[in-house]
Amino acid sequence: MLIVLLVTFVLSIALYLIFKRRSPKLSELRKKWERGFKDGWSFEQFMADLFTSLGYRAAATKGSHDFGVDLIVKNGKATYVFQAKYYSNSISPKALEEVLMAATLYGIDRIGIVTNAEIPQSVRDLAQEICRKTFIKKVVLISKSEIEKMLRGEKLI
């Protein structure tokens, strides 16, 4: 019961933040992208700003005790939870496992990973399995090349 209340509270705060965000310009975000980020938290905030600038409602979570959710993104009526990974190497399937667990806790059926690195085939294969064998309706995988498309104004979800 306590976990349900905590999850509801965290989701409520995130949704509040989603609705009050200003939309940064893509040109500002391209400059940030070129400079890079000092840590994973600044990458998460950048991605929330990028989604917001493309017309989504988005917020980065508080960074810890978020049950594996780094970003919450709303596209119309659909809500996505994302795990963000700011790495110098490719990510592992564990990132998808973490966001799948978070989706279960939040009761959301759309998940994703966003990373500045490449997404290996093993993660892509697991994403397909998750869609086939679980309640998840959609898995979005956003790597460096997709982020660069977003910075040119392309919507991916």
Protein backbone atom coordinates (compact mmCIF):
# COMPACT_ATOMS: atom_id res chain seq x y z
CA MET A 1 0.00 0.00 0.00
CA LEU A 2 2.82 2.38 0.88
CA ILE A 3 4.53 1.72 -2.46
CA VAL A 4 1.30 2.47 -4.34
CA LEU A 5 0.95 5.78 -2.48
CA LEU A 6 4.60 6.65 -3.10
CA VAL A 7 4.34 5.82 -6.81
CA THR A 8 1.14 7.87 -7.09
CA PHE A 9 2.83 10.80 -5.35
CA VAL A 10 5.93 10.67 -7.60
CA LEU A 11 3.78 10.41 -10.74
CA SER A 12 1.62 13.33 -9.58
CA ILE A 13 4.69 15.52 -9.04
CA ALA A 14 6.08 14.56 -12.43
CA LEU A 15 2.80 15.33 -14.18
CA TYR A 16 2.65 18.71 -12.43
CA LEU A 17 6.13 19.49 -13.73
CA ILE A 18 5.14 18.37 -17.21
CA PHE A 19 2.33 20.89 -17.37
CA LYS A 20 4.34 23.89 -16.15
CA ARG A 21 7.45 23.53 -18.39
CA ARG A 22 8.45 26.17 -20.91
CA SER A 23 9.51 24.98 -24.33
CA PRO A 24 13.21 25.61 -25.10
CA LYS A 25 14.29 26.34 -28.66
CA LEU A 26 15.86 23.59 -30.75
CA SER A 27 18.80 25.85 -31.57
CA GLU A 28 19.61 26.17 -27.84
CA LEU A 29 19.33 22.41 -27.43
CA ARG A 30 21.63 21.72 -30.41
CA LYS A 31 24.30 23.84 -28.71
CA LYS A 32 23.90 21.89 -25.47
CA TRP A 33 24.14 18.62 -27.40
CA GLU A 34 27.37 19.72 -29.07
CA ARG A 35 28.91 20.75 -25.72
CA GLY A 36 27.97 17.48 -24.04
CA PHE A 37 26.83 16.88 -20.49
CA LYS A 38 28.63 16.72 -17.17
CA ASP A 39 26.55 13.79 -15.89
CA GLY A 40 23.51 11.62 -16.41
CA TRP A 41 21.19 14.03 -14.59
CA SER A 42 21.97 16.90 -16.98
CA PHE A 43 21.39 14.49 -19.90
CA GLU A 44 17.98 13.57 -18.46
CA GLN A 45 17.03 17.24 -18.13
CA PHE A 46 18.23 17.87 -21.70
CA MET A 47 16.04 15.04 -23.00
CA ALA A 48 13.00 16.38 -21.13
CA ASP A 49 13.64 19.78 -22.73
CA LEU A 50 14.06 18.19 -26.16
CA PHE A 51 10.77 16.29 -25.91
CA THR A 52 9.07 19.48 -24.67
CA SER A 53 10.45 21.54 -27.55
CA LEU A 54 8.92 19.00 -29.98
CA GLY A 55 5.46 19.50 -28.49
CA TYR A 56 5.34 16.64 -26.00
CA ARG A 57 4.71 17.12 -22.31
CA ALA A 58 7.83 15.86 -20.60
CA ALA A 59 9.62 15.94 -17.26
CA ALA A 60 12.71 14.41 -15.76
CA THR A 61 12.06 12.66 -12.47
CA LYS A 62 13.94 13.62 -9.34
CA GLY A 63 16.91 11.34 -10.07
CA SER A 64 16.69 8.83 -7.24
CA HIS A 65 13.98 6.60 -5.77
CA ASP A 66 12.09 6.92 -9.05
CA PHE A 67 11.71 3.16 -9.55
CA GLY A 68 13.76 3.19 -12.75
CA VAL A 69 11.96 6.07 -14.46
CA ASP A 70 14.12 8.98 -15.57
CA LEU A 71 11.65 10.67 -17.93
CA ILE A 72 7.90 10.79 -18.23
CA VAL A 73 6.64 11.85 -21.65
CA LYS A 74 3.03 12.42 -22.69
CA ASN A 75 2.00 12.37 -26.33
CA GLY A 76 -1.70 13.10 -26.46
CA LYS A 77 -3.33 10.48 -24.24
CA ALA A 78 -0.34 8.12 -24.34
CA THR A 79 2.17 8.23 -21.49
CA TYR A 80 5.69 6.82 -21.84
CA VAL A 81 8.26 6.13 -19.15
CA PHE A 82 11.92 6.25 -20.20
CA GLN A 83 15.17 5.06 -18.74
CA ALA A 84 17.95 7.48 -19.74
CA LYS A 85 21.52 6.24 -20.06
CA TYR A 86 24.40 8.66 -20.58
CA TYR A 87 27.23 6.26 -21.37
CA SER A 88 30.42 6.13 -23.38
CA ASN A 89 29.71 2.47 -24.25
CA SER A 90 26.60 0.74 -25.52
CA ILE A 91 23.85 -0.11 -23.06
CA SER A 92 22.86 -3.54 -21.78
CA PRO A 93 19.45 -5.25 -21.73
CA LYS A 94 19.32 -4.42 -17.99
CA ALA A 95 18.15 -0.90 -18.91
CA LEU A 96 15.02 -2.34 -20.52
CA GLU A 97 14.45 -4.62 -17.55
CA GLU A 98 14.57 -1.61 -15.22
CA VAL A 99 12.07 0.44 -17.21
CA LEU A 100 9.79 -2.60 -17.59
CA MET A 101 9.67 -2.92 -13.80
CA ALA A 102 8.94 0.79 -13.53
CA ALA A 103 6.10 0.51 -16.05
CA THR A 104 4.61 -2.25 -13.94
CA LEU A 105 4.72 -0.07 -10.82
CA TYR A 106 3.34 3.00 -12.62
CA GLY A 107 0.71 1.06 -14.58
CA ILE A 108 1.97 2.38 -17.93
CA ASP A 109 2.09 0.29 -21.10
CA ARG A 110 4.61 2.31 -23.16
CA ILE A 111 8.29 2.30 -22.29
CA GLY A 112 11.57 3.42 -23.75
CA ILE A 113 15.27 3.91 -23.44
CA VAL A 114 17.11 7.04 -24.50
CA THR A 115 20.89 7.04 -24.70
CA ASN A 116 23.70 9.04 -26.22
CA ALA A 117 25.34 5.73 -27.14
CA GLU A 118 24.41 2.97 -29.56
CA ILE A 119 21.72 0.40 -28.84
CA PRO A 120 22.97 -3.15 -29.44
CA GLN A 121 20.94 -5.81 -31.22
CA SER A 122 20.46 -7.74 -27.95
CA VAL A 123 18.50 -4.79 -26.54
CA ARG A 124 16.47 -4.46 -29.76
CA ASP A 125 15.66 -8.17 -29.63
CA LEU A 126 14.56 -7.92 -25.99
CA ALA A 127 12.32 -4.94 -26.87
CA GLN A 128 10.51 -7.06 -29.46
CA GLU A 129 10.09 -9.91 -26.95
CA ILE A 130 8.70 -7.51 -24.35
CA CYS A 131 6.04 -6.30 -26.79
CA ARG A 132 5.13 -9.86 -27.79
CA LYS A 133 5.01 -11.40 -24.34
CA THR A 134 3.97 -8.70 -21.86
CA PHE A 135 1.34 -6.01 -21.35
CA ILE A 136 3.65 -3.42 -22.95
CA LYS A 137 2.15 -2.02 -26.16
CA LYS A 138 5.20 -0.10 -27.39
CA VAL A 139 8.93 0.07 -26.71
CA VAL A 140 10.79 3.13 -28.02
CA LEU A 141 14.57 2.93 -28.41
CA ILE A 142 16.29 6.27 -28.92
CA SER A 143 20.04 6.29 -29.56
CA LYS A 144 22.46 9.03 -30.56
CA SER A 145 21.30 9.05 -34.19
CA GLU A 146 17.63 9.36 -33.19
CA ILE A 147 18.45 12.22 -30.79
CA GLU A 148 20.13 14.02 -33.70
CA LYS A 149 16.94 13.53 -35.77
CA MET A 150 14.93 14.99 -32.90
CA LEU A 151 17.27 17.98 -32.80
CA ARG A 152 16.30 18.59 -36.45
CA GLY A 153 12.62 18.64 -35.43
CA GLU A 154 11.60 15.02 -36.10
CA LYS A 155 9.07 13.44 -33.75
CA LEU A 156 9.74 9.80 -32.88
CA ILE A 157 6.75 8.86 -30.71
